[in-house]
Amino acid sequence: MADTSYIPRLKTQYLDSIRGDLIEKFELKNPMQVPALEKVVLNMGVGETTQDTKKINSAFEDMQAIAGQKPVITRARNSIATFKVREEMPLGVKVTLRGARMYEFIDRLITVALPRVRDFRGLNAKSFDGNGNFAMGLKEHIVFPEINYDKVDTIWGMDIIVCTSTNDDDQARELLRAFNFPFND
């Protein structure tokens, strides 16, 4: 059985200060209206699997190291002859993080991975979908400290989607700003 007494640093920060600041800023009456993080979805598309299906295993292991949990292999729904894709062919890996793993991943993303990105000028503050969810992409998955650069055979990009409990982009933006997401305003 897992140890349930551990609370991630960012969750403690949210409960202690961020939550109260958001209630005050948006003048929320009900504590259930306060924006919160719900989940983080990581997706890594591996287009090279059409030539070499063993590449998906490398992506699977890298994603497992980054996320800290077992990813799911995504497969093609339809055959597309021009892309040499057959039905049920593995095309990528994805993982959904919730709870303590989600907070730990966001902490590592903000404090370790994003500062290691080359020519990083901040995150686009307009990358919200209109429903309070933020999406971003990384060109290299090797910015995470869990990946051993010497053992990587191919560098893949990855998508990171942060889902919040609010439907308002302004509230979600303030929530992520409070978590020190480096937006380039």
N, C-alpha and C. Protein backbone atom coordinates (compact mmCIF):
# COMPACT_ATOMS: atom_id res chain seq x y z
N MET A 1 0.84 -1.18 0.00
CA MET A 1 0.00 0.00 0.00
C MET A 1 0.89 1.24 0.00
N ALA A 2 0.50 2.23 -0.78
CA ALA A 2 1.30 3.45 -0.92
C ALA A 2 1.17 4.34 0.31
N ASP A 3 2.21 5.11 0.54
CA ASP A 3 2.21 6.04 1.66
C ASP A 3 1.35 7.25 1.30
N THR A 4 0.26 7.46 2.00
CA THR A 4 -0.66 8.55 1.68
C THR A 4 -0.37 9.82 2.47
N SER A 5 0.64 9.79 3.34
CA SER A 5 0.92 10.97 4.16
C SER A 5 1.73 12.02 3.41
N TYR A 6 2.34 11.65 2.28
CA TYR A 6 3.17 12.58 1.51
C TYR A 6 2.30 13.54 0.70
N ILE A 7 2.55 14.84 0.86
CA ILE A 7 1.84 15.86 0.08
C ILE A 7 2.88 16.64 -0.71
N PRO A 8 2.74 16.70 -2.04
CA PRO A 8 3.72 17.42 -2.86
C PRO A 8 3.81 18.90 -2.50
N ARG A 9 4.97 19.48 -2.76
CA ARG A 9 5.25 20.88 -2.43
C ARG A 9 4.24 21.83 -3.08
N LEU A 10 3.93 21.62 -4.36
CA LEU A 10 3.01 22.52 -5.06
C LEU A 10 1.58 22.41 -4.54
N LYS A 11 1.17 21.22 -4.11
CA LYS A 11 -0.18 21.07 -3.57
C LYS A 11 -0.29 21.82 -2.24
N THR A 12 0.75 21.72 -1.42
CA THR A 12 0.77 22.46 -0.16
C THR A 12 0.72 23.96 -0.43
N GLN A 13 1.48 24.42 -1.42
CA GLN A 13 1.48 25.84 -1.80
C GLN A 13 0.09 26.26 -2.27
N TYR A 14 -0.58 25.40 -3.04
CA TYR A 14 -1.94 25.70 -3.52
C TYR A 14 -2.91 25.82 -2.35
N LEU A 15 -2.87 24.86 -1.45
CA LEU A 15 -3.81 24.87 -0.33
C LEU A 15 -3.55 26.02 0.64
N ASP A 16 -2.27 26.37 0.85
CA ASP A 16 -1.92 27.39 1.83
C ASP A 16 -2.12 28.82 1.33
N SER A 17 -1.70 29.11 0.09
CA SER A 17 -1.72 30.51 -0.34
C SER A 17 -2.46 30.76 -1.66
N ILE A 18 -2.23 29.93 -2.65
CA ILE A 18 -2.79 30.20 -3.98
C ILE A 18 -4.31 30.21 -3.95
N ARG A 19 -4.89 29.25 -3.27
CA ARG A 19 -6.35 29.13 -3.19
C ARG A 19 -7.00 30.39 -2.61
N GLY A 20 -6.44 30.88 -1.51
CA GLY A 20 -6.97 32.09 -0.89
C GLY A 20 -6.82 33.31 -1.78
N ASP A 21 -5.67 33.40 -2.48
CA ASP A 21 -5.46 34.53 -3.39
C ASP A 21 -6.46 34.53 -4.53
N LEU A 22 -6.78 33.35 -5.05
CA LEU A 22 -7.74 33.26 -6.16
C LEU A 22 -9.16 33.60 -5.70
N ILE A 23 -9.52 33.17 -4.48
CA ILE A 23 -10.85 33.51 -3.94
C ILE A 23 -10.98 35.02 -3.83
N GLU A 24 -9.91 35.66 -3.32
CA GLU A 24 -9.91 37.11 -3.15
C GLU A 24 -9.93 37.84 -4.49
N LYS A 25 -9.11 37.40 -5.44
CA LYS A 25 -8.99 38.09 -6.72
C LYS A 25 -10.28 38.02 -7.54
N PHE A 26 -10.89 36.85 -7.60
CA PHE A 26 -12.09 36.67 -8.43
C PHE A 26 -13.38 36.81 -7.63
N GLU A 27 -13.29 37.14 -6.33
CA GLU A 27 -14.44 37.35 -5.45
C GLU A 27 -15.41 36.17 -5.51
N LEU A 28 -14.86 34.98 -5.30
CA LEU A 28 -15.67 33.76 -5.37
C LEU A 28 -16.38 33.53 -4.04
N LYS A 29 -17.63 33.16 -4.11
CA LYS A 29 -18.44 32.94 -2.91
C LYS A 29 -18.32 31.51 -2.40
N ASN A 30 -18.33 30.56 -3.32
CA ASN A 30 -18.32 29.15 -2.98
C ASN A 30 -16.91 28.59 -3.13
N PRO A 31 -16.38 27.89 -2.13
CA PRO A 31 -15.03 27.33 -2.26
C PRO A 31 -14.89 26.31 -3.39
N MET A 32 -16.00 25.75 -3.85
CA MET A 32 -15.94 24.79 -4.96
C MET A 32 -15.72 25.49 -6.30
N GLN A 33 -15.87 26.82 -6.34
CA GLN A 33 -15.64 27.56 -7.57
C GLN A 33 -14.17 27.87 -7.81
N VAL A 34 -13.33 27.66 -6.82
CA VAL A 34 -11.92 28.01 -6.94
C VAL A 34 -11.26 27.10 -7.98
N PRO A 35 -10.56 27.68 -8.97
CA PRO A 35 -9.89 26.86 -9.97
C PRO A 35 -8.83 25.96 -9.34
N ALA A 36 -8.74 24.76 -9.85
CA ALA A 36 -7.74 23.79 -9.37
C ALA A 36 -7.22 22.99 -10.56
N LEU A 37 -6.09 22.34 -10.37
CA LEU A 37 -5.56 21.46 -11.40
C LEU A 37 -6.28 20.13 -11.33
N GLU A 38 -6.73 19.61 -12.47
CA GLU A 38 -7.40 18.31 -12.49
C GLU A 38 -6.49 17.20 -12.99
N LYS A 39 -5.82 17.46 -14.13
CA LYS A 39 -4.96 16.43 -14.69
C LYS A 39 -3.96 17.05 -15.66
N VAL A 40 -2.92 16.29 -15.96
CA VAL A 40 -1.93 16.66 -16.97
C VAL A 40 -1.81 15.48 -17.92
N VAL A 41 -1.97 15.75 -19.21
CA VAL A 41 -1.88 14.70 -20.22
C VAL A 41 -0.59 14.91 -21.01
N LEU A 42 0.24 13.88 -21.08
CA LEU A 42 1.48 13.91 -21.86
C LEU A 42 1.30 13.02 -23.07
N ASN A 43 1.69 13.52 -24.23
CA ASN A 43 1.55 12.77 -25.47
C ASN A 43 2.83 12.88 -26.27
N MET A 44 3.31 11.76 -26.76
CA MET A 44 4.51 11.75 -27.58
C MET A 44 4.20 10.98 -28.86
N GLY A 45 4.13 11.69 -29.98
CA GLY A 45 3.91 11.04 -31.27
C GLY A 45 5.23 10.55 -31.83
N VAL A 46 5.24 9.30 -32.28
CA VAL A 46 6.46 8.71 -32.81
C VAL A 46 6.18 8.29 -34.25
N GLY A 47 6.34 9.23 -35.18
CA GLY A 47 6.04 8.98 -36.58
C GLY A 47 6.98 8.00 -37.23
N GLU A 48 8.18 7.83 -36.69
CA GLU A 48 9.17 6.94 -37.30
C GLU A 48 8.81 5.46 -37.16
N THR A 49 7.73 5.14 -36.45
CA THR A 49 7.37 3.73 -36.26
C THR A 49 6.91 3.09 -37.56
N THR A 50 6.58 3.89 -38.58
CA THR A 50 6.19 3.30 -39.86
C THR A 50 7.37 2.57 -40.50
N GLN A 51 8.60 3.05 -40.26
CA GLN A 51 9.78 2.36 -40.79
C GLN A 51 10.33 1.33 -39.80
N ASP A 52 10.34 1.69 -38.51
CA ASP A 52 10.94 0.82 -37.50
C ASP A 52 10.02 0.75 -36.28
N THR A 53 9.33 -0.35 -36.11
CA THR A 53 8.36 -0.48 -35.02
C THR A 53 9.02 -0.61 -33.66
N LYS A 54 10.33 -0.81 -33.60
CA LYS A 54 11.03 -0.91 -32.31
C LYS A 54 11.22 0.46 -31.65
N LYS A 55 11.05 1.53 -32.41
CA LYS A 55 11.20 2.88 -31.86
C LYS A 55 10.15 3.16 -30.79
N ILE A 56 8.99 2.52 -30.91
CA ILE A 56 7.92 2.76 -29.94
C ILE A 56 8.34 2.29 -28.55
N ASN A 57 9.16 1.23 -28.48
CA ASN A 57 9.63 0.74 -27.18
C ASN A 57 10.52 1.76 -26.49
N SER A 58 11.37 2.42 -27.26
CA SER A 58 12.24 3.45 -26.71
C SER A 58 11.41 4.64 -26.20
N ALA A 59 10.42 5.04 -26.99
CA ALA A 59 9.54 6.14 -26.57
C ALA A 59 8.74 5.75 -25.33
N PHE A 60 8.30 4.50 -25.26
CA PHE A 60 7.55 3.99 -24.12
C PHE A 60 8.39 4.10 -22.84
N GLU A 61 9.65 3.66 -22.92
CA GLU A 61 10.52 3.70 -21.74
C GLU A 61 10.84 5.13 -21.32
N ASP A 62 11.08 6.02 -22.30
CA ASP A 62 11.36 7.42 -21.98
C ASP A 62 10.16 8.08 -21.33
N MET A 63 8.96 7.84 -21.87
CA MET A 63 7.75 8.43 -21.30
C MET A 63 7.50 7.89 -19.90
N GLN A 64 7.78 6.62 -19.69
CA GLN A 64 7.60 6.03 -18.36
C GLN A 64 8.55 6.68 -17.36
N ALA A 65 9.77 6.97 -17.78
CA ALA A 65 10.73 7.63 -16.89
C ALA A 65 10.30 9.05 -16.57
N ILE A 66 9.80 9.77 -17.58
CA ILE A 66 9.38 11.15 -17.37
C ILE A 66 8.15 11.23 -16.47
N ALA A 67 7.14 10.40 -16.74
CA ALA A 67 5.87 10.49 -16.04
C ALA A 67 5.87 9.78 -14.69
N GLY A 68 6.67 8.73 -14.56
CA GLY A 68 6.65 7.98 -13.31
C GLY A 68 5.53 6.97 -13.24
N GLN A 69 4.85 6.74 -14.35
CA GLN A 69 3.84 5.70 -14.41
C GLN A 69 3.79 5.14 -15.83
N LYS A 70 3.13 4.01 -15.99
CA LYS A 70 3.14 3.29 -17.26
C LYS A 70 2.27 4.01 -18.29
N PRO A 71 2.84 4.34 -19.46
CA PRO A 71 2.04 4.99 -20.51
C PRO A 71 1.23 3.98 -21.32
N VAL A 72 0.35 4.52 -22.16
CA VAL A 72 -0.48 3.72 -23.06
C VAL A 72 0.04 3.94 -24.48
N ILE A 73 0.14 2.88 -25.25
CA ILE A 73 0.56 3.01 -26.64
C ILE A 73 -0.67 3.38 -27.48
N THR A 74 -0.57 4.49 -28.21
CA THR A 74 -1.67 4.90 -29.08
C THR A 74 -1.48 4.25 -30.44
N ARG A 75 -2.59 3.82 -31.02
CA ARG A 75 -2.55 3.10 -32.29
C ARG A 75 -3.42 3.79 -33.34
N ALA A 76 -3.09 3.55 -34.60
CA ALA A 76 -3.84 4.16 -35.71
C ALA A 76 -5.24 3.55 -35.79
N ARG A 77 -6.23 4.39 -36.01
CA ARG A 77 -7.60 3.91 -36.16
C ARG A 77 -7.86 3.43 -37.58
N ASN A 78 -7.29 4.16 -38.54
CA ASN A 78 -7.53 3.86 -39.95
C ASN A 78 -6.20 3.66 -40.68
N SER A 79 -6.26 2.98 -41.80
CA SER A 79 -5.08 2.85 -42.67
C SER A 79 -5.01 4.08 -43.57
N ILE A 80 -3.79 4.63 -43.71
CA ILE A 80 -3.55 5.75 -44.61
C ILE A 80 -2.35 5.37 -45.47
N ALA A 81 -2.63 5.04 -46.72
CA ALA A 81 -1.59 4.51 -47.60
C ALA A 81 -0.50 5.53 -47.88
N THR A 82 -0.85 6.80 -48.02
CA THR A 82 0.16 7.81 -48.35
C THR A 82 1.18 7.98 -47.23
N PHE A 83 0.80 7.73 -45.99
CA PHE A 83 1.72 7.83 -44.86
C PHE A 83 2.27 6.47 -44.45
N LYS A 84 1.93 5.41 -45.20
CA LYS A 84 2.35 4.04 -44.91
C LYS A 84 1.92 3.60 -43.52
N VAL A 85 0.72 3.99 -43.14
CA VAL A 85 0.16 3.65 -41.83
C VAL A 85 -0.94 2.61 -42.02
N ARG A 86 -0.85 1.55 -41.26
CA ARG A 86 -1.88 0.52 -41.29
C ARG A 86 -2.72 0.61 -40.03
N GLU A 87 -3.91 0.07 -40.09
CA GLU A 87 -4.79 0.06 -38.93
C GLU A 87 -4.14 -0.68 -37.77
N GLU A 88 -4.30 -0.16 -36.55
CA GLU A 88 -3.74 -0.73 -35.31
C GLU A 88 -2.21 -0.64 -35.22
N MET A 89 -1.57 0.14 -36.10
CA MET A 89 -0.12 0.31 -36.03
C MET A 89 0.20 1.27 -34.88
N PRO A 90 1.19 0.96 -34.02
CA PRO A 90 1.52 1.89 -32.93
C PRO A 90 2.13 3.18 -33.47
N LEU A 91 1.59 4.33 -33.00
CA LEU A 91 2.05 5.63 -33.50
C LEU A 91 2.58 6.55 -32.41
N GLY A 92 2.37 6.22 -31.15
CA GLY A 92 2.84 7.10 -30.08
C GLY A 92 2.51 6.54 -28.72
N VAL A 93 2.83 7.33 -27.69
CA VAL A 93 2.52 6.96 -26.32
C VAL A 93 1.91 8.15 -25.60
N LYS A 94 1.03 7.87 -24.66
CA LYS A 94 0.43 8.95 -23.87
C LYS A 94 0.23 8.47 -22.45
N VAL A 95 0.14 9.46 -21.54
CA VAL A 95 -0.09 9.14 -20.14
C VAL A 95 -0.86 10.30 -19.52
N THR A 96 -1.77 9.98 -18.60
CA THR A 96 -2.54 10.99 -17.87
C THR A 96 -2.12 10.94 -16.41
N LEU A 97 -1.69 12.10 -15.90
CA LEU A 97 -1.24 12.21 -14.51
C LEU A 97 -2.29 12.93 -13.68
N ARG A 98 -2.56 12.41 -12.51
CA ARG A 98 -3.48 13.04 -11.57
C ARG A 98 -2.86 12.96 -10.18
N GLY A 99 -3.39 13.77 -9.27
CA GLY A 99 -2.97 13.69 -7.87
C GLY A 99 -1.52 14.09 -7.64
N ALA A 100 -0.85 13.35 -6.77
CA ALA A 100 0.52 13.68 -6.37
C ALA A 100 1.49 13.63 -7.55
N ARG A 101 1.33 12.65 -8.45
CA ARG A 101 2.23 12.56 -9.62
C ARG A 101 2.08 13.79 -10.51
N MET A 102 0.87 14.30 -10.64
CA MET A 102 0.62 15.49 -11.45
C MET A 102 1.37 16.69 -10.86
N TYR A 103 1.24 16.90 -9.55
CA TYR A 103 1.92 18.03 -8.90
C TYR A 103 3.44 17.90 -9.00
N GLU A 104 3.95 16.68 -8.82
CA GLU A 104 5.39 16.46 -8.93
C GLU A 104 5.89 16.73 -10.35
N PHE A 105 5.11 16.29 -11.35
CA PHE A 105 5.51 16.53 -12.74
C PHE A 105 5.53 18.03 -13.05
N ILE A 106 4.51 18.75 -12.63
CA ILE A 106 4.46 20.20 -12.89
C ILE A 106 5.61 20.90 -12.20
N ASP A 107 5.95 20.47 -10.99
CA ASP A 107 7.08 21.04 -10.27
C ASP A 107 8.37 20.83 -11.06
N ARG A 108 8.60 19.60 -11.56
CA ARG A 108 9.80 19.33 -12.35
C ARG A 108 9.79 20.08 -13.67
N LEU A 109 8.62 20.21 -14.28
CA LEU A 109 8.50 20.92 -15.56
C LEU A 109 8.91 22.38 -15.40
N ILE A 110 8.40 23.04 -14.36
CA ILE A 110 8.63 24.48 -14.18
C ILE A 110 10.04 24.76 -13.68
N THR A 111 10.51 23.97 -12.71
CA THR A 111 11.79 24.30 -12.07
C THR A 111 13.01 23.71 -12.77
N VAL A 112 12.84 22.59 -13.49
CA VAL A 112 14.00 21.93 -14.08
C VAL A 112 13.95 21.90 -15.61
N ALA A 113 12.85 21.40 -16.17
CA ALA A 113 12.81 21.15 -17.61
C ALA A 113 12.74 22.43 -18.45
N LEU A 114 11.83 23.34 -18.14
CA LEU A 114 11.69 24.55 -18.97
C LEU A 114 12.94 25.43 -18.96
N PRO A 115 13.64 25.58 -17.84
CA PRO A 115 14.90 26.35 -17.90
C PRO A 115 15.97 25.69 -18.76
N ARG A 116 15.86 24.39 -19.01
CA ARG A 116 16.84 23.70 -19.84
C ARG A 116 16.54 23.76 -21.34
N VAL A 117 15.37 24.30 -21.70
CA VAL A 117 15.00 24.41 -23.11
C VAL A 117 15.85 25.49 -23.77
N ARG A 118 16.42 25.15 -24.93
CA ARG A 118 17.24 26.14 -25.65
C ARG A 118 16.40 27.28 -26.17
N ASP A 119 16.91 28.50 -26.09
CA ASP A 119 16.25 29.71 -26.59
C ASP A 119 14.84 29.86 -26.03
N PHE A 120 14.66 29.55 -24.75
CA PHE A 120 13.33 29.63 -24.14
C PHE A 120 13.00 31.08 -23.80
N ARG A 121 11.89 31.56 -24.32
CA ARG A 121 11.46 32.94 -24.07
C ARG A 121 10.13 33.02 -23.34
N GLY A 122 9.72 31.94 -22.74
CA GLY A 122 8.47 31.92 -22.00
C GLY A 122 7.39 31.16 -22.75
N LEU A 123 6.33 30.82 -22.04
CA LEU A 123 5.20 30.11 -22.63
C LEU A 123 4.21 31.10 -23.22
N ASN A 124 3.56 30.72 -24.28
CA ASN A 124 2.56 31.57 -24.92
C ASN A 124 1.32 31.64 -24.04
N ALA A 125 0.98 32.82 -23.59
CA ALA A 125 -0.17 33.00 -22.69
C ALA A 125 -1.50 32.85 -23.43
N LYS A 126 -1.47 32.71 -24.75
CA LYS A 126 -2.70 32.56 -25.54
C LYS A 126 -2.98 31.11 -25.88
N SER A 127 -2.23 30.19 -25.32
CA SER A 127 -2.38 28.77 -25.65
C SER A 127 -3.47 28.09 -24.83
N PHE A 128 -4.51 28.82 -24.48
CA PHE A 128 -5.66 28.25 -23.77
C PHE A 128 -6.73 27.92 -24.79
N ASP A 129 -7.54 26.91 -24.51
CA ASP A 129 -8.51 26.42 -25.49
C ASP A 129 -9.90 27.04 -25.36
N GLY A 130 -10.10 27.98 -24.46
CA GLY A 130 -11.43 28.57 -24.27
C GLY A 130 -12.21 27.88 -23.16
N ASN A 131 -11.72 26.75 -22.68
CA ASN A 131 -12.37 26.02 -21.59
C ASN A 131 -11.47 25.87 -20.38
N GLY A 132 -10.44 26.71 -20.28
CA GLY A 132 -9.57 26.69 -19.11
C GLY A 132 -8.46 25.66 -19.14
N ASN A 133 -8.17 25.08 -20.31
CA ASN A 133 -7.10 24.10 -20.43
C ASN A 133 -5.94 24.72 -21.19
N PHE A 134 -4.72 24.43 -20.76
CA PHE A 134 -3.52 25.00 -21.36
C PHE A 134 -2.74 23.90 -22.07
N ALA A 135 -2.33 24.16 -23.30
CA ALA A 135 -1.56 23.18 -24.07
C ALA A 135 -0.23 23.80 -24.49
N MET A 136 0.81 23.00 -24.41
CA MET A 136 2.14 23.45 -24.85
C MET A 136 2.88 22.27 -25.46
N GLY A 137 3.90 22.58 -26.22
CA GLY A 137 4.70 21.53 -26.83
C GLY A 137 6.17 21.73 -26.51
N LEU A 138 6.89 20.63 -26.43
CA LEU A 138 8.34 20.66 -26.27
C LEU A 138 8.94 20.00 -27.50
N LYS A 139 10.00 20.58 -28.03
CA LYS A 139 10.63 20.02 -29.22
C LYS A 139 11.56 18.86 -28.88
N GLU A 140 12.06 18.85 -27.64
CA GLU A 140 12.99 17.80 -27.22
C GLU A 140 12.56 17.23 -25.87
N HIS A 141 12.41 15.93 -25.80
CA HIS A 141 12.03 15.32 -24.52
C HIS A 141 13.22 15.15 -23.59
N ILE A 142 14.42 15.45 -24.08
CA ILE A 142 15.62 15.23 -23.27
C ILE A 142 15.85 16.33 -22.23
N VAL A 143 14.99 17.34 -22.18
CA VAL A 143 15.15 18.40 -21.17
C VAL A 143 14.79 17.90 -19.77
N PHE A 144 14.13 16.76 -19.67
CA PHE A 144 13.78 16.22 -18.36
C PHE A 144 14.99 15.50 -17.77
N PRO A 145 15.24 15.68 -16.48
CA PRO A 145 16.44 15.09 -15.86
C PRO A 145 16.41 13.56 -15.80
N GLU A 146 15.23 12.94 -15.94
CA GLU A 146 15.14 11.48 -15.87
C GLU A 146 15.71 10.80 -17.11
N ILE A 147 15.84 11.54 -18.19
CA ILE A 147 16.33 10.98 -19.45
C ILE A 147 17.85 11.09 -19.50
N ASN A 148 18.52 9.96 -19.68
CA ASN A 148 19.97 9.94 -19.81
C ASN A 148 20.30 10.28 -21.26
N TYR A 149 20.92 11.43 -21.46
CA TYR A 149 21.19 11.94 -22.81
C TYR A 149 22.05 10.98 -23.62
N ASP A 150 22.97 10.28 -22.98
CA ASP A 150 23.88 9.38 -23.69
C ASP A 150 23.18 8.13 -24.24
N LYS A 151 22.08 7.73 -23.61
CA LYS A 151 21.39 6.51 -24.04
C LYS A 151 20.25 6.78 -25.01
N VAL A 152 19.99 8.05 -25.34
CA VAL A 152 18.88 8.39 -26.24
C VAL A 152 19.33 8.20 -27.67
N ASP A 153 18.54 7.40 -28.44
CA ASP A 153 18.87 7.20 -29.84
C ASP A 153 18.15 8.21 -30.74
N THR A 154 16.95 8.62 -30.37
CA THR A 154 16.18 9.60 -31.15
C THR A 154 15.56 10.61 -30.20
N ILE A 155 15.53 11.87 -30.62
CA ILE A 155 14.91 12.92 -29.81
C ILE A 155 13.51 13.18 -30.36
N TRP A 156 12.50 13.07 -29.48
CA TRP A 156 11.13 13.29 -29.87
C TRP A 156 10.58 14.54 -29.19
N GLY A 157 9.58 15.11 -29.80
CA GLY A 157 8.84 16.18 -29.18
C GLY A 157 7.70 15.60 -28.37
N MET A 158 7.12 16.43 -27.55
CA MET A 158 5.98 15.95 -26.77
C MET A 158 5.01 17.09 -26.50
N ASP A 159 3.73 16.73 -26.35
CA ASP A 159 2.68 17.69 -26.03
C ASP A 159 2.34 17.54 -24.55
N ILE A 160 2.11 18.68 -23.91
CA ILE A 160 1.73 18.69 -22.50
C ILE A 160 0.45 19.51 -22.38
N ILE A 161 -0.62 18.90 -21.89
CA ILE A 161 -1.90 19.58 -21.72
C ILE A 161 -2.23 19.60 -20.23
N VAL A 162 -2.43 20.82 -19.70
CA VAL A 162 -2.77 20.99 -18.29
C VAL A 162 -4.26 21.32 -18.22
N CYS A 163 -5.04 20.45 -17.61
CA CYS A 163 -6.49 20.63 -17.51
C CYS A 163 -6.84 21.17 -16.12
N THR A 164 -7.66 22.22 -16.10
CA THR A 164 -8.08 22.83 -14.84
C THR A 164 -9.58 22.63 -14.63
N SER A 165 -10.04 22.93 -13.44
CA SER A 165 -11.45 22.72 -13.09
C SER A 165 -12.34 23.88 -13.52
N THR A 166 -11.78 24.95 -14.07
CA THR A 166 -12.57 26.10 -14.46
C THR A 166 -12.78 26.11 -15.98
N ASN A 167 -13.84 26.79 -16.42
CA ASN A 167 -14.09 26.95 -17.85
C ASN A 167 -13.66 28.33 -18.33
N ASP A 168 -13.09 29.14 -17.45
CA ASP A 168 -12.70 30.50 -17.77
C ASP A 168 -11.18 30.55 -17.96
N ASP A 169 -10.75 31.00 -19.14
CA ASP A 169 -9.32 31.06 -19.43
C ASP A 169 -8.57 32.02 -18.51
N ASP A 170 -9.20 33.13 -18.15
CA ASP A 170 -8.53 34.11 -17.27
C ASP A 170 -8.25 33.52 -15.90
N GLN A 171 -9.22 32.78 -15.35
CA GLN A 171 -9.01 32.14 -14.05
C GLN A 171 -7.93 31.06 -14.16
N ALA A 172 -7.95 30.29 -15.24
CA ALA A 172 -6.94 29.24 -15.43
C ALA A 172 -5.56 29.87 -15.59
N ARG A 173 -5.46 30.97 -16.31
CA ARG A 173 -4.18 31.65 -16.50
C ARG A 173 -3.63 32.14 -15.16
N GLU A 174 -4.49 32.70 -14.33
CA GLU A 174 -4.05 33.17 -13.00
C GLU A 174 -3.63 32.00 -12.11
N LEU A 175 -4.34 30.88 -12.22
CA LEU A 175 -3.97 29.68 -11.46
C LEU A 175 -2.57 29.22 -11.85
N LEU A 176 -2.30 29.13 -13.15
CA LEU A 176 -0.99 28.67 -13.61
C LEU A 176 0.09 29.69 -13.31
N ARG A 177 -0.24 30.98 -13.37
CA ARG A 177 0.73 32.02 -12.99
C ARG A 177 1.11 31.87 -11.52
N ALA A 178 0.14 31.54 -10.69
CA ALA A 178 0.40 31.35 -9.26
C ALA A 178 1.33 30.15 -9.03
N PHE A 179 1.28 29.18 -9.93
CA PHE A 179 2.20 28.03 -9.87
C PHE A 179 3.53 28.35 -10.54
N ASN A 180 3.78 29.61 -10.89
CA ASN A 180 5.02 30.08 -11.51
C ASN A 180 5.25 29.57 -12.92
N PHE A 181 4.19 29.36 -13.69
CA PHE A 181 4.36 29.06 -15.11
C PHE A 181 4.94 30.32 -15.77
N PRO A 182 6.04 30.21 -16.51
CA PRO A 182 6.69 31.38 -17.07
C PRO A 182 6.05 31.87 -18.37
N PHE A 183 4.94 32.60 -18.26
CA PHE A 183 4.26 33.14 -19.46
C PHE A 183 5.02 34.37 -19.96
N ASN A 184 5.01 34.55 -21.28
CA ASN A 184 5.71 35.69 -21.89
C ASN A 184 4.70 36.78 -22.25
N ASP A 185 4.28 37.53 -21.30
CA ASP A 185 3.29 38.60 -21.52
C ASP A 185 3.91 39.82 -22.15
